[in-house]
Amino acid sequence: MSEQSMKADDRIIFRINGSEKNAFMAKVAKEGKKPSEVLIDLVRRYVDEPSQTLDLEEIKQRLEQHESKLALLEEKLLGESAA
């Protein structure tokens, strides 16, 4: 769907420092794009990517697995050094 055929139904307003805004506007102009086009694309890609957060239970399970592996390696290492 092109930007022209899409009905704008909401806004996001945020603050950015002047040098970042100027650099963004310069790059957008150099590439022949509209600022809204680039920002909308960024939002869509961000929303579509899978979340990178782990829940606490998964973190606990991973930690327990690593602790078990570490204990086995320590036992093996101590057994080898005793021999």
C-alpha atoms as a PDB file:
ATOM      1  CA  MET A   1       0.000   0.000   0.000  1.00  0.00           C
ATOM      2  CA  SER A   2       1.507   3.340  -0.997  1.00  0.00           C
ATOM      3  CA  GLU A   3       1.711   6.238   1.431  1.00  0.00           C
ATOM      4  CA  GLN A   4      -0.641   8.291  -0.764  1.00  0.00           C
ATOM      5  CA  SER A   5      -3.433   5.675  -0.599  1.00  0.00           C
ATOM      6  CA  MET A   6      -3.034   5.123   3.147  1.00  0.00           C
ATOM      7  CA  LYS A   7      -5.339   7.149   5.377  1.00  0.00           C
ATOM      8  CA  ALA A   8      -3.459   8.752   8.250  1.00  0.00           C
ATOM      9  CA  ASP A   9      -5.397   7.952  11.398  1.00  0.00           C
ATOM     10  CA  ASP A  10      -2.938   8.691  14.205  1.00  0.00           C
ATOM     11  CA  ARG A  11       0.264  10.541  15.088  1.00  0.00           C
ATOM     12  CA  ILE A  12       3.370   9.973  17.124  1.00  0.00           C
ATOM     13  CA  ILE A  13       5.182  13.084  18.279  1.00  0.00           C
ATOM     14  CA  PHE A  14       8.593  12.911  19.933  1.00  0.00           C
ATOM     15  CA  ARG A  15      11.572  15.107  20.665  1.00  0.00           C
ATOM     16  CA  ILE A  16      14.992  14.685  19.082  1.00  0.00           C
ATOM     17  CA  ASN A  17      18.073  16.849  19.305  1.00  0.00           C
ATOM     18  CA  GLY A  18      18.700  19.278  16.468  1.00  0.00           C
ATOM     19  CA  SER A  19      21.849  17.669  15.087  1.00  0.00           C
ATOM     20  CA  GLU A  20      20.191  14.235  14.826  1.00  0.00           C
ATOM     21  CA  LYS A  21      17.144  15.754  13.153  1.00  0.00           C
ATOM     22  CA  ASN A  22      19.290  17.666  10.671  1.00  0.00           C
ATOM     23  CA  ALA A  23      21.358  14.570   9.844  1.00  0.00           C
ATOM     24  CA  PHE A  24      18.164  12.521   9.379  1.00  0.00           C
ATOM     25  CA  MET A  25      16.543  15.152   7.164  1.00  0.00           C
ATOM     26  CA  ALA A  26      19.713  15.479   5.069  1.00  0.00           C
ATOM     27  CA  LYS A  27      19.965  11.723   4.545  1.00  0.00           C
ATOM     28  CA  VAL A  28      16.274  11.407   3.691  1.00  0.00           C
ATOM     29  CA  ALA A  29      16.557  14.247   1.161  1.00  0.00           C
ATOM     30  CA  LYS A  30      19.724  12.738  -0.351  1.00  0.00           C
ATOM     31  CA  GLU A  31      17.897   9.423  -0.816  1.00  0.00           C
ATOM     32  CA  GLY A  32      14.833  11.145  -2.290  1.00  0.00           C
ATOM     33  CA  LYS A  33      12.502   9.871   0.408  1.00  0.00           C
ATOM     34  CA  LYS A  34       9.979  11.481   2.722  1.00  0.00           C
ATOM     35  CA  PRO A  35      10.717  11.498   6.455  1.00  0.00           C
ATOM     36  CA  SER A  36       7.343   9.883   7.211  1.00  0.00           C
ATOM     37  CA  GLU A  37       8.055   7.112   4.693  1.00  0.00           C
ATOM     38  CA  VAL A  38      11.306   6.190   6.452  1.00  0.00           C
ATOM     39  CA  LEU A  39       9.804   6.384   9.944  1.00  0.00           C
ATOM     40  CA  ILE A  40       6.725   4.329   9.018  1.00  0.00           C
ATOM     41  CA  ASP A  41       9.004   1.667   7.519  1.00  0.00           C
ATOM     42  CA  LEU A  42      11.092   1.641  10.701  1.00  0.00           C
ATOM     43  CA  VAL A  43       7.993   1.226  12.891  1.00  0.00           C
ATOM     44  CA  ARG A  44       6.635  -1.604  10.709  1.00  0.00           C
ATOM     45  CA  ARG A  45       9.936  -3.507  10.746  1.00  0.00           C
ATOM     46  CA  TYR A  46      10.240  -3.053  14.518  1.00  0.00           C
ATOM     47  CA  VAL A  47       6.697  -4.311  15.135  1.00  0.00           C
ATOM     48  CA  ASP A  48       7.204  -7.312  12.828  1.00  0.00           C
ATOM     49  CA  GLU A  49      10.431  -8.528  14.416  1.00  0.00           C
ATOM     50  CA  PRO A  50      10.168 -11.100  17.188  1.00  0.00           C
ATOM     51  CA  SER A  51      10.511  -9.859  20.734  1.00  0.00           C
ATOM     52  CA  GLN A  52      13.930 -10.391  22.242  1.00  0.00           C
ATOM     53  CA  THR A  53      12.818 -10.467  25.844  1.00  0.00           C
ATOM     54  CA  LEU A  54      13.048 -13.623  27.901  1.00  0.00           C
ATOM     55  CA  ASP A  55      10.712 -14.377  30.723  1.00  0.00           C
ATOM     56  CA  LEU A  56      12.118 -14.964  34.182  1.00  0.00           C
ATOM     57  CA  GLU A  57      11.222 -18.664  34.204  1.00  0.00           C
ATOM     58  CA  GLU A  58      13.159 -19.286  30.984  1.00  0.00           C
ATOM     59  CA  ILE A  59      16.184 -17.464  32.394  1.00  0.00           C
ATOM     60  CA  LYS A  60      16.040 -19.615  35.558  1.00  0.00           C
ATOM     61  CA  GLN A  61      15.864 -22.813  33.489  1.00  0.00           C
ATOM     62  CA  ARG A  62      18.848 -21.775  31.385  1.00  0.00           C
ATOM     63  CA  LEU A  63      20.842 -20.879  34.474  1.00  0.00           C
ATOM     64  CA  GLU A  64      20.079 -24.255  36.074  1.00  0.00           C
ATOM     65  CA  GLN A  65      21.182 -26.047  32.886  1.00  0.00           C
ATOM     66  CA  HIS A  66      24.464 -24.139  32.836  1.00  0.00           C
ATOM     67  CA  GLU A  67      25.051 -24.794  36.535  1.00  0.00           C
ATOM     68  CA  SER A  68      24.533 -28.535  35.962  1.00  0.00           C
ATOM     69  CA  LYS A  69      26.939 -28.544  33.033  1.00  0.00           C
ATOM     70  CA  LEU A  70      29.500 -26.606  35.053  1.00  0.00           C
ATOM     71  CA  ALA A  71      29.229 -29.068  37.947  1.00  0.00           C
ATOM     72  CA  LEU A  72      29.831 -32.008  35.591  1.00  0.00           C
ATOM     73  CA  LEU A  73      32.837 -30.302  34.045  1.00  0.00           C
ATOM     74  CA  GLU A  74      34.276 -29.507  37.487  1.00  0.00           C
ATOM     75  CA  GLU A  75      33.856 -33.146  38.568  1.00  0.00           C
ATOM     76  CA  LYS A  76      35.538 -34.340  35.399  1.00  0.00           C
ATOM     77  CA  LEU A  77      38.393 -31.863  35.796  1.00  0.00           C
ATOM     78  CA  LEU A  78      38.935 -32.778  39.453  1.00  0.00           C
ATOM     79  CA  GLY A  79      38.851 -36.501  38.576  1.00  0.00           C
ATOM     80  CA  GLU A  80      41.447 -36.027  35.837  1.00  0.00           C
ATOM     81  CA  SER A  81      43.783 -34.010  38.055  1.00  0.00           C
ATOM     82  CA  ALA A  82      43.582 -36.619  40.826  1.00  0.00           C
ATOM     83  CA  ALA A  83      44.585 -39.401  38.438  1.00  0.00           C
END
